[in-house]
């Protein structure tokens, strides 16, 4: 039975955040050897909050952190792996470092990346590159290095808006009151109408809808568009 061709991990660099660069404008780094393992790290952050009129606190959802993706790449110029001996891996290290971390004057930031390997497709920004030199030739030049690469996931803005629906009126919202905030104004922002401020005041056991201060945490419950206004 014929064996299929081994697919190598590829890191593709893009200038556009929506990954719309033409193929001729993309830069690609292909792994010499595929990683033995990779890790995906997911985190969610919560805030301790206590609403008015309550005696206990509970954790409130704050933000879903971008996932982190990490793996190690081997660079080697001894010729043992690719049968192409070279004097050192200094140029390979520079190429990888510049691709991942170099500030691009045209876009005023480092590039965006897609990591492709088999069924894996990860989109994000490079947040770290740690290089450990493992082997030297007799004159002290590095000929083997292990490079740990870390990416932070990103989602294109149009997809992020659809996924999060942060201002949807059919979700429970908690807001920390800032200077200048009023219940009618916040109701308009969340519900699309300022008419629900009395219901919000009642849910939060406020003696008056004006009785809010910076730092207060106010609950805005889910509503339906046809909810009658008191």
Foldseek 3Di string as FASTA:
>chain_A
DDDDDADWKKKKWDADLQRPDDPVPIDMDTALDHFPDKDKAWDWDWDWADFPPDDHTDTHTDDTFFIKIKTKGKAFQCCPRPVHHDQACPVVVVVVCCQQANQDPVNRGHTWIWIDHDPDTFTFHWDDKDKDQDDADPVGGGGMIMIMTMGTGDDPPVVVCVVCVPLALQAKDKDADDPPDFQLVVCCSRVVGSLALVVQCVVSVHPDSRPDDGGHIGIRHRDDPPDDRD
